[in-house]
Protein backbone atom coordinates (compact mmCIF):
# COMPACT_ATOMS: atom_id res chain seq x y z
CA GLN A 1 -7.06 23.53 94.92
CA THR A 2 -5.23 26.63 94.75
CA ILE A 3 -6.38 30.27 94.23
CA ASN A 4 -3.62 32.19 93.14
CA THR A 5 -2.39 36.01 94.07
CA SER A 6 -0.07 38.78 92.87
CA SER A 7 2.36 37.71 96.03
CA GLY A 8 1.87 33.99 96.10
CA TYR A 9 -1.08 31.27 95.93
CA TRP A 10 -3.68 30.14 98.73
CA ALA A 11 -3.52 26.41 99.11
CA PHE A 12 -4.93 23.80 101.41
CA VAL A 13 -1.86 22.18 103.46
CA ASP A 14 -2.70 19.72 105.85
CA SER A 15 -6.58 20.76 106.07
CA GLN A 16 -5.38 24.51 106.74
CA VAL A 17 -5.32 27.15 104.36
CA VAL A 18 -2.23 28.71 104.01
CA LEU A 19 -0.37 31.45 102.13
CA VAL A 20 2.43 30.03 100.00
CA VAL A 21 4.67 32.43 98.54
CA PRO A 22 7.57 31.64 96.11
CA GLN A 23 11.30 32.61 97.43
CA ILE A 24 12.83 34.91 94.95
CA PRO A 25 16.31 34.00 94.48
CA ILE A 26 18.66 36.87 95.26
CA LEU A 27 21.60 36.87 92.51
CA SER A 28 24.91 38.19 93.46
CA GLN A 29 26.51 40.82 91.32
CA ALA A 30 28.06 38.10 88.90
CA GLU A 31 25.56 36.28 88.35
CA ILE A 32 23.25 39.32 87.10
CA ILE A 33 26.02 40.04 85.01
CA GLN A 34 26.13 36.75 83.72
CA VAL A 35 22.84 36.81 82.68
CA LEU A 36 23.03 40.15 81.17
CA ALA A 37 25.92 39.05 79.54
CA LYS A 38 24.02 36.28 77.79
CA GLN A 39 21.48 38.95 76.41
CA PHE A 40 24.18 40.85 74.93
CA ASP A 41 25.83 38.17 73.42
CA ALA A 42 23.11 37.52 71.28
CA ALA A 43 21.73 41.36 70.56
CA VAL A 44 25.35 41.56 69.26
CA GLU A 45 25.36 38.19 67.29
CA ALA A 46 22.23 39.58 65.69
CA HIS A 47 23.58 42.27 64.88
CA LEU A 48 26.73 40.89 63.53
CA HIS A 49 24.41 38.39 61.77
CA GLU A 50 22.12 41.51 60.08
CA ALA A 51 25.28 43.19 58.65
CA ALA A 52 26.30 40.28 56.81
CA VAL A 53 22.59 39.41 55.28
CA ALA A 54 22.86 42.62 54.27
CA ALA A 55 25.80 42.62 52.80
CA GLY A 56 24.19 39.27 50.36
CA TYR A 57 25.33 36.71 52.72
CA THR A 58 22.99 34.16 54.17
CA ASN A 59 24.73 34.79 57.82
CA LEU A 60 28.07 35.89 59.45
CA GLU A 61 30.21 32.71 59.26
CA ARG A 62 29.37 32.58 55.42
CA ALA A 63 30.57 36.37 55.00
CA CYS A 64 33.85 35.09 56.58
CA MET A 65 34.09 31.84 55.19
CA TYR A 66 36.22 33.25 51.68
CA ALA A 67 38.93 35.26 53.66
CA PRO A 68 41.34 32.70 54.03
CA ALA A 69 41.59 32.26 50.37
CA PRO A 70 42.17 33.91 47.00
CA ASN A 71 38.83 34.66 45.71
CA PRO A 72 36.74 37.70 44.38
CA TYR A 73 35.10 37.89 47.81
CA GLU A 74 38.46 37.51 50.10
CA ALA A 75 38.82 41.25 50.81
CA GLU A 76 35.13 41.65 51.97
CA SER A 77 35.37 38.73 53.86
CA GLN A 78 38.58 39.41 55.57
CA SER A 79 36.38 42.88 56.51
CA PHE A 80 34.00 41.24 58.01
CA VAL A 81 36.64 38.84 60.12
CA ALA A 82 38.34 41.30 61.28
CA TRP A 83 35.26 43.26 62.06
CA ALA A 84 33.67 40.59 64.08
CA GLY A 85 36.65 40.49 66.01
CA ALA A 86 37.20 44.07 67.08
CA VAL A 87 32.98 43.91 67.92
CA TRP A 88 33.98 41.20 70.41
CA LYS A 89 37.08 42.69 71.88
CA TYR A 90 35.15 46.18 72.42
CA CYS A 91 32.33 44.02 74.37
CA TYR A 92 34.65 41.69 75.95
CA GLY A 93 36.54 45.10 77.42
CA GLU A 94 33.26 46.74 78.21
CA LEU A 95 31.97 43.78 80.59
CA GLN A 96 35.84 43.89 82.36
CA LYS A 97 34.49 47.56 83.09
CA VAL A 98 31.17 46.73 84.23
CA GLU A 99 32.07 44.16 86.15
CA ALA A 100 35.24 46.18 87.67
CA GLY A 101 32.72 49.21 88.68
CA ILE A 102 34.15 51.75 85.98
CA ARG A 103 30.98 51.52 84.32
CA GLY A 104 27.75 50.96 84.44
CA VAL A 105 25.78 48.50 82.68
CA PRO A 106 24.47 49.97 79.01
CA THR A 107 21.55 49.41 77.30
CA ILE A 108 21.55 47.19 74.57
CA ASP A 109 21.21 49.75 72.00
CA GLN A 110 23.80 51.92 73.94
CA LEU A 111 26.19 49.22 73.62
CA ILE A 112 25.09 48.20 69.84
CA SER A 113 26.05 51.99 69.34
CA GLU A 114 28.95 52.08 70.46
CA LEU A 115 30.28 48.94 68.40
CA PRO A 116 33.09 49.80 66.04
CA THR A 117 32.07 50.06 62.31
CA ARG A 118 32.97 47.76 59.58
CA VAL A 119 35.75 49.19 57.19
CA LEU A 120 34.91 48.51 53.84
CA PRO A 121 37.50 47.51 51.25
CA GLU A 122 38.66 49.59 48.82
């Protein structure tokens, strides 16, 4: 039988009642950045996806697929390709700044607000 507490749980071990406190892993700065990078990656992907959906596409991949061949959607598709590349270039540059200690970790909303905007075709 166990009884949970905020700092662990009480359990019977070898006929004795003991407090079992789970170990909290201590992450290195690199590990923390890796965990945060996954969260930021998902948020940036969602941002790109939402823009493509708002433009009438199913997803970003669909918005980009018309770029290489002449068609009515070619210019718009090329704008999505260029924009996605610029966004990821910016993100990786900011990640390098965080890893180097040049800038602190931004919030997800802050990073999204800093991203390049898509240049619409004429």
